[in-house]
Amino acid sequence: MITVKEIQSPILEEMGAFEKHFKEAMRSSAPLLDKITHYIIKRKGKQMRPMFVFLAAKINGGVSESSFHAASLIELLHTATLVHDDVVDDANMRRGFFSLNALWKNKIAVLVGDYLLAKGLILSVEQREFRVLGIVSRAVKEMSEGELLQMEKARLLNITESVYFEIIRKKTASLISACCESGAVSAKASEEDSIRMRAFGEAVGVAFQIKDDIFDYGDGDIGKPTGIDIKERKMTLPLIYALQHASSADKRRINSIIKNHYENADKVREVVDFVIKSGGIEYTRGLMYQYRDEALKILVQFPESDARKSLEGLVHYTIERKK
């Protein structure tokens, strides 16, 4: 499988420069904020979103100063949503580090999230990146709508396949789509190519979330217990498919477990086994491959280059990763 290091090879210089750019974008004169933002930078992950921005820019003509502004804006807003998510979920860990709310409590964590959001808005206005700001703001709006839709449907346990795809398109794919479109716009790509990159990002984002949902049934290890989505009463595609093809008695039994016994490990395992035996994993994996192929089909419309090769590698990495 292709590695992240290999994917980054055409943008290695840009990713190095981005670290300084992002650190500067987060800087604060308030000592506590500066301490917390330093902690955030120290615990950064693979930085997939900046990679999408820079590769999308490179495939459309080249990375510019505008590309760095776009990548910083997206990373600031994404980090803000993660900080707020940890507060809402009462999560103490993220990527092997303590969450901000675990170290500094909820009120400070919420204010830090607000600060990061404001810094992103200020950066965009000061640099006159209004088009990129519009793209990213639309993505944040859709992320909020997707999360709320999932919460609403989880209470009712009535998510259909079409609603599931609406949720993951908004909740996950919208931000990756914004990365790719912003990268293209920063390189002054044509409207047609910018739209292509938006569609590419959406397809990759959907495949990425489907892969995460498959992990919950034991396909790899992403650092969370098998069945965690069931414990959180999240209706993902493998379970939706299994229920669609279940007898009335099995539907009642499984729905009862999800509704009333979601904290019982043995009962959760019963649901996991039911989904696996129903063919839900195979069906879901097949759809993931369809979105992979859709993304690759869009890329071949661009000229061959190292950047295109890396984006193709990023598509494969998305669905082949082990965590």
Protein backbone atom coordinates (compact mmCIF):
# COMPACT_ATOMS: atom_id res chain seq x y z
CA MET A 1 0.00 0.00 0.00
CA ILE A 2 1.20 3.53 -0.80
CA THR A 3 2.42 5.47 2.23
CA VAL A 4 1.57 9.02 3.29
CA LYS A 5 5.23 9.95 2.77
CA GLU A 6 5.06 8.79 -0.87
CA ILE A 7 1.81 10.68 -1.41
CA GLN A 8 3.39 13.86 -0.06
CA SER A 9 6.49 13.67 -2.28
CA PRO A 10 5.31 16.25 -4.89
CA ILE A 11 4.32 18.71 -2.12
CA LEU A 12 6.98 17.96 0.51
CA GLU A 13 8.32 21.52 0.40
CA GLU A 14 4.81 22.99 0.62
CA MET A 15 3.84 20.79 3.58
CA GLY A 16 6.99 21.89 5.41
CA ALA A 17 6.24 25.56 4.73
CA PHE A 18 2.61 25.04 5.76
CA GLU A 19 3.61 24.11 9.31
CA LYS A 20 5.11 27.58 9.80
CA HIS A 21 2.17 29.21 8.03
CA PHE A 22 -0.38 27.41 10.20
CA LYS A 23 1.56 28.11 13.41
CA GLU A 24 1.55 31.81 12.53
CA ALA A 25 -2.18 31.72 11.75
CA MET A 26 -2.90 30.34 15.24
CA ARG A 27 -0.69 32.76 17.15
CA SER A 28 -2.26 34.72 20.02
CA SER A 29 -1.07 37.45 22.38
CA ALA A 30 -2.97 35.79 25.24
CA PRO A 31 -0.51 33.48 27.07
CA LEU A 32 -3.11 30.75 27.83
CA LEU A 33 -4.33 30.66 24.22
CA ASP A 34 -0.76 30.55 22.93
CA LYS A 35 -0.03 27.61 25.25
CA ILE A 36 -3.14 25.73 24.09
CA THR A 37 -2.57 26.38 20.37
CA HIS A 38 1.02 25.15 20.77
CA TYR A 39 -0.42 21.94 22.25
CA ILE A 40 -2.81 21.61 19.29
CA ILE A 41 0.04 21.94 16.79
CA LYS A 42 2.14 19.38 18.68
CA ARG A 43 -0.59 16.73 18.42
CA LYS A 44 -1.40 17.25 14.73
CA GLY A 45 -2.35 14.16 12.72
CA LYS A 46 -1.49 13.23 9.13
CA GLN A 47 -2.74 16.63 7.87
CA MET A 48 -4.76 15.02 5.12
CA ARG A 49 -6.78 18.16 4.41
CA PRO A 50 -3.81 20.43 3.61
CA MET A 51 -2.50 17.60 1.42
CA PHE A 52 -5.74 17.65 -0.59
CA VAL A 53 -5.52 21.46 -0.93
CA PHE A 54 -1.91 21.48 -2.18
CA LEU A 55 -2.29 18.50 -4.51
CA ALA A 56 -5.51 19.95 -5.96
CA ALA A 57 -3.65 23.24 -6.54
CA LYS A 58 -0.66 21.49 -8.09
CA ILE A 59 -2.77 19.44 -10.52
CA ASN A 60 -4.44 22.68 -11.63
CA GLY A 61 -1.33 24.72 -12.32
CA GLY A 62 0.62 25.18 -9.12
CA VAL A 63 0.61 26.08 -5.44
CA SER A 64 0.32 29.80 -4.69
CA GLU A 65 0.21 31.97 -1.56
CA SER A 66 -3.57 31.67 -1.85
CA SER A 67 -3.21 27.87 -1.49
CA PHE A 68 -1.52 28.36 1.89
CA HIS A 69 -4.33 30.67 3.00
CA ALA A 70 -6.92 28.09 1.90
CA ALA A 71 -5.13 25.24 3.69
CA SER A 72 -4.78 27.31 6.88
CA LEU A 73 -8.44 28.36 6.84
CA ILE A 74 -9.62 24.78 6.40
CA GLU A 75 -7.29 23.45 9.10
CA LEU A 76 -8.37 26.18 11.53
CA LEU A 77 -12.07 25.50 10.98
CA HIS A 78 -11.59 21.73 11.03
CA THR A 79 -9.65 21.94 14.30
CA ALA A 80 -12.39 24.15 15.79
CA THR A 81 -15.04 21.53 14.95
CA LEU A 82 -12.91 18.75 16.51
CA VAL A 83 -12.47 20.75 19.72
CA HIS A 84 -16.22 21.35 19.94
CA ASP A 85 -16.96 17.69 19.09
CA ASP A 86 -14.80 16.53 21.99
CA VAL A 87 -16.79 18.75 24.34
CA VAL A 88 -20.14 17.50 23.03
CA ASP A 89 -19.00 13.85 23.15
CA ASP A 90 -17.31 14.30 26.54
CA ALA A 91 -14.23 12.70 24.95
CA ASN A 92 -10.98 12.68 26.92
CA MET A 93 -8.64 11.49 24.16
CA ARG A 94 -7.97 12.31 20.50
CA ARG A 95 -5.19 10.75 18.39
CA GLY A 96 -3.55 9.36 21.51
CA PHE A 97 -3.40 12.76 23.25
CA PHE A 98 -5.62 14.23 25.95
CA SER A 99 -8.39 16.39 24.48
CA LEU A 100 -8.50 20.11 25.33
CA ASN A 101 -11.60 19.67 27.48
CA ALA A 102 -9.83 16.93 29.46
CA LEU A 103 -6.91 19.25 30.24
CA TRP A 104 -8.57 22.68 30.45
CA LYS A 105 -12.27 21.84 30.98
CA ASN A 106 -15.25 22.48 28.71
CA LYS A 107 -15.62 26.26 28.93
CA ILE A 108 -12.01 26.92 27.88
CA ALA A 109 -12.24 24.27 25.12
CA VAL A 110 -15.39 25.88 23.67
CA LEU A 111 -13.75 29.33 23.75
CA VAL A 112 -10.63 27.94 22.02
CA GLY A 113 -12.86 26.45 19.30
CA ASP A 114 -14.54 29.85 18.89
CA TYR A 115 -11.12 31.52 18.74
CA LEU A 116 -9.92 29.17 15.96
CA LEU A 117 -13.11 29.85 14.00
CA ALA A 118 -12.60 33.61 14.36
CA LYS A 119 -8.93 33.34 13.32
CA GLY A 120 -9.99 31.53 10.16
CA LEU A 121 -12.53 34.22 9.30
CA ILE A 122 -10.03 37.04 9.99
CA LEU A 123 -7.36 35.33 7.86
CA SER A 124 -9.78 35.08 4.93
CA VAL A 125 -10.96 38.68 5.17
CA GLU A 126 -7.46 40.13 5.62
CA GLN A 127 -6.18 38.18 2.61
CA ARG A 128 -9.36 38.90 0.62
CA GLU A 129 -9.93 35.17 0.06
CA PHE A 130 -13.69 35.64 -0.23
CA ARG A 131 -14.31 32.85 -2.71
CA VAL A 132 -12.44 30.31 -0.60
CA LEU A 133 -14.25 31.58 2.50
CA GLY A 134 -17.57 30.97 0.73
CA ILE A 135 -16.55 27.41 -0.22
CA VAL A 136 -15.40 26.54 3.30
CA SER A 137 -18.35 28.23 5.02
CA ARG A 138 -20.73 26.16 2.91
CA ALA A 139 -18.87 23.02 4.01
CA VAL A 140 -19.11 23.93 7.72
CA LYS A 141 -22.85 24.59 7.30
CA GLU A 142 -23.30 21.19 5.69
CA MET A 143 -21.21 19.47 8.39
CA SER A 144 -23.53 20.91 11.05
CA GLU A 145 -26.63 19.86 9.09
CA GLY A 146 -25.25 16.34 8.62
CA GLU A 147 -24.46 15.94 12.31
CA LEU A 148 -27.91 17.19 13.35
CA LEU A 149 -29.63 14.94 10.80
CA GLN A 150 -27.73 11.93 12.13
CA MET A 151 -28.69 12.78 15.72
CA GLU A 152 -32.34 13.21 14.77
CA LYS A 153 -32.53 9.92 12.88
CA ALA A 154 -30.54 8.00 15.53
CA ARG A 155 -33.30 8.69 18.05
CA LEU A 156 -35.91 7.28 15.68
CA LEU A 157 -33.77 4.39 14.30
CA ASN A 158 -35.27 4.96 10.85
CA ILE A 159 -32.29 5.88 8.66
CA THR A 160 -32.66 4.72 5.07
CA GLU A 161 -29.77 4.22 2.67
CA SER A 162 -30.51 7.52 0.92
CA VAL A 163 -30.54 9.41 4.25
CA TYR A 164 -27.28 7.68 5.26
CA PHE A 165 -25.58 8.99 2.12
CA GLU A 166 -27.00 12.47 2.69
CA ILE A 167 -25.54 12.40 6.22
CA ILE A 168 -22.02 11.29 5.23
CA ARG A 169 -21.95 13.56 2.17
CA LYS A 170 -22.60 16.53 4.44
CA LYS A 171 -20.84 15.40 7.60
CA THR A 172 -17.57 14.11 6.12
CA ALA A 173 -17.36 14.52 2.35
CA SER A 174 -18.26 18.24 2.31
CA LEU A 175 -14.98 19.30 3.96
CA ILE A 176 -12.76 17.14 1.74
CA SER A 177 -14.71 18.45 -1.24
CA ALA A 178 -14.03 22.01 -0.02
CA CYS A 179 -10.30 21.22 0.27
CA CYS A 180 -10.12 20.09 -3.35
CA GLU A 181 -12.25 22.93 -4.73
CA SER A 182 -10.32 25.52 -2.68
CA GLY A 183 -7.02 24.13 -3.94
CA ALA A 184 -8.21 24.41 -7.53
CA VAL A 185 -9.53 27.95 -7.00
CA SER A 186 -6.23 28.99 -5.36
CA ALA A 187 -4.44 27.89 -8.55
CA LYS A 188 -6.87 29.94 -10.67
CA ALA A 189 -8.33 26.81 -12.29
CA SER A 190 -11.24 27.13 -14.70
CA GLU A 191 -14.76 26.91 -13.32
CA GLU A 192 -15.13 23.50 -14.98
CA ASP A 193 -11.97 22.12 -13.35
CA SER A 194 -12.90 23.59 -9.96
CA ILE A 195 -16.26 21.81 -10.14
CA ARG A 196 -14.47 18.59 -11.15
CA MET A 197 -12.22 18.86 -8.10
CA ARG A 198 -15.24 19.48 -5.87
CA ALA A 199 -16.88 16.30 -7.22
CA PHE A 200 -13.61 14.39 -6.79
CA GLY A 201 -13.34 15.46 -3.15
CA GLU A 202 -16.92 14.47 -2.45
CA ALA A 203 -16.41 10.98 -3.91
CA VAL A 204 -13.21 10.47 -1.87
CA GLY A 205 -14.92 11.80 1.25
CA VAL A 206 -17.83 9.38 0.92
CA ALA A 207 -15.42 6.46 0.40
CA PHE A 208 -13.43 7.61 3.45
CA GLN A 209 -16.50 7.59 5.72
CA ILE A 210 -17.72 4.24 4.40
CA LYS A 211 -14.30 2.80 5.26
CA ASP A 212 -14.63 4.17 8.80
CA ASP A 213 -18.06 2.57 9.11
CA ILE A 214 -16.71 -0.80 7.98
CA PHE A 215 -13.94 -0.58 10.62
CA ASP A 216 -16.63 -0.71 13.30
CA TYR A 217 -17.32 -4.32 12.34
CA GLY A 218 -13.75 -5.48 12.80
CA ASP A 219 -12.16 -4.58 9.45
CA GLY A 220 -8.86 -3.27 10.79
CA ASP A 221 -8.13 -1.27 13.91
CA ILE A 222 -8.70 2.45 14.22
CA GLY A 223 -8.31 2.65 17.95
CA LYS A 224 -11.97 2.27 18.89
CA PRO A 225 -13.76 -0.87 20.11
CA THR A 226 -15.68 -2.92 17.58
CA GLY A 227 -19.34 -1.97 17.78
CA ILE A 228 -18.80 1.58 19.05
CA ASP A 229 -21.22 2.99 16.44
CA ILE A 230 -23.89 0.58 17.70
CA LYS A 231 -23.19 1.67 21.29
CA GLU A 232 -23.70 5.26 20.14
CA ARG A 233 -26.85 4.20 18.21
CA LYS A 234 -25.41 5.33 14.88
CA MET A 235 -27.14 3.62 11.98
CA THR A 236 -24.39 3.07 9.40
CA LEU A 237 -24.66 1.37 6.01
CA PRO A 238 -23.74 -2.23 7.02
CA LEU A 239 -26.51 -2.19 9.65
CA ILE A 240 -29.01 -0.43 7.38
CA TYR A 241 -28.45 -3.07 4.69
CA ALA A 242 -28.78 -5.91 7.21
CA LEU A 243 -32.08 -4.57 8.54
CA GLN A 244 -33.44 -4.00 5.03
CA HIS A 245 -32.94 -7.71 4.29
CA ALA A 246 -33.98 -9.07 7.70
CA SER A 247 -37.17 -10.84 8.71
CA SER A 248 -39.71 -8.90 10.77
CA ALA A 249 -38.70 -10.83 13.88
CA ASP A 250 -34.99 -10.08 13.39
CA LYS A 251 -35.76 -6.40 12.77
CA ARG A 252 -37.67 -6.16 16.03
CA ARG A 253 -34.91 -7.99 17.92
CA ILE A 254 -32.05 -5.89 16.52
CA ASN A 255 -33.93 -2.59 16.91
CA SER A 256 -34.72 -3.51 20.52
CA ILE A 257 -31.02 -4.15 21.23
CA ILE A 258 -29.96 -0.85 19.66
CA LYS A 259 -32.69 1.06 21.49
CA ASN A 260 -32.54 -0.57 24.93
CA HIS A 261 -29.36 -2.68 25.29
CA TYR A 262 -26.71 -0.64 23.43
CA GLU A 263 -24.45 -0.61 26.52
CA ASN A 264 -24.50 -4.42 26.86
CA ALA A 265 -21.31 -5.74 25.21
CA ASP A 266 -22.79 -9.20 24.54
CA LYS A 267 -25.88 -7.70 22.92
CA VAL A 268 -23.76 -5.36 20.80
CA ARG A 269 -21.70 -8.37 19.66
CA GLU A 270 -24.99 -10.04 18.67
CA VAL A 271 -25.75 -7.10 16.37
CA VAL A 272 -22.22 -7.16 14.92
CA ASP A 273 -22.54 -10.88 14.14
CA PHE A 274 -25.98 -10.33 12.60
CA VAL A 275 -24.64 -7.63 10.28
CA ILE A 276 -21.62 -9.72 9.20
CA LYS A 277 -23.76 -12.80 8.47
CA SER A 278 -26.28 -10.74 6.52
CA GLY A 279 -23.66 -9.70 3.92
CA GLY A 280 -23.77 -6.07 5.08
CA ILE A 281 -20.00 -5.70 5.04
CA GLU A 282 -19.60 -7.06 1.49
CA TYR A 283 -22.41 -4.84 0.22
CA THR A 284 -20.93 -1.75 1.90
CA ARG A 285 -17.43 -2.50 0.63
CA GLY A 286 -18.81 -2.81 -2.91
CA LEU A 287 -20.29 0.70 -2.71
CA MET A 288 -17.01 2.02 -1.31
CA TYR A 289 -15.24 0.68 -4.40
CA GLN A 290 -17.82 2.42 -6.61
CA TYR A 291 -16.97 5.78 -5.04
CA ARG A 292 -13.25 5.00 -5.39
CA ASP A 293 -13.76 4.35 -9.11
CA GLU A 294 -15.81 7.53 -9.47
CA ALA A 295 -12.99 9.57 -7.93
CA LEU A 296 -10.34 7.95 -10.15
CA LYS A 297 -12.51 8.51 -13.24
CA ILE A 298 -12.53 12.26 -12.50
CA LEU A 299 -8.74 12.37 -12.08
CA VAL A 300 -8.00 10.88 -15.51
CA GLN A 301 -9.57 14.02 -17.02
CA PHE A 302 -6.48 15.93 -15.81
CA PRO A 303 -3.04 15.66 -17.47
CA GLU A 304 -0.62 13.08 -16.10
CA SER A 305 1.66 14.50 -13.40
CA ASP A 306 3.23 13.66 -10.06
CA ALA A 307 0.37 15.50 -8.36
CA ARG A 308 -2.24 13.41 -10.17
CA LYS A 309 -0.37 10.24 -9.26
CA SER A 310 -0.34 11.32 -5.59
CA LEU A 311 -4.07 12.10 -5.65
CA GLU A 312 -4.68 8.64 -7.12
CA GLY A 313 -2.52 7.23 -4.32
CA LEU A 314 -4.55 9.21 -1.78
CA VAL A 315 -7.75 7.63 -3.11
CA HIS A 316 -6.30 4.14 -2.69
CA TYR A 317 -4.87 5.02 0.72
CA THR A 318 -8.33 6.17 1.84
CA ILE A 319 -9.91 2.76 1.34
CA GLU A 320 -6.89 0.54 2.09
CA ARG A 321 -5.76 2.18 5.36
CA LYS A 322 -5.71 0.09 8.53
CA LYS A 323 -6.70 2.92 10.86
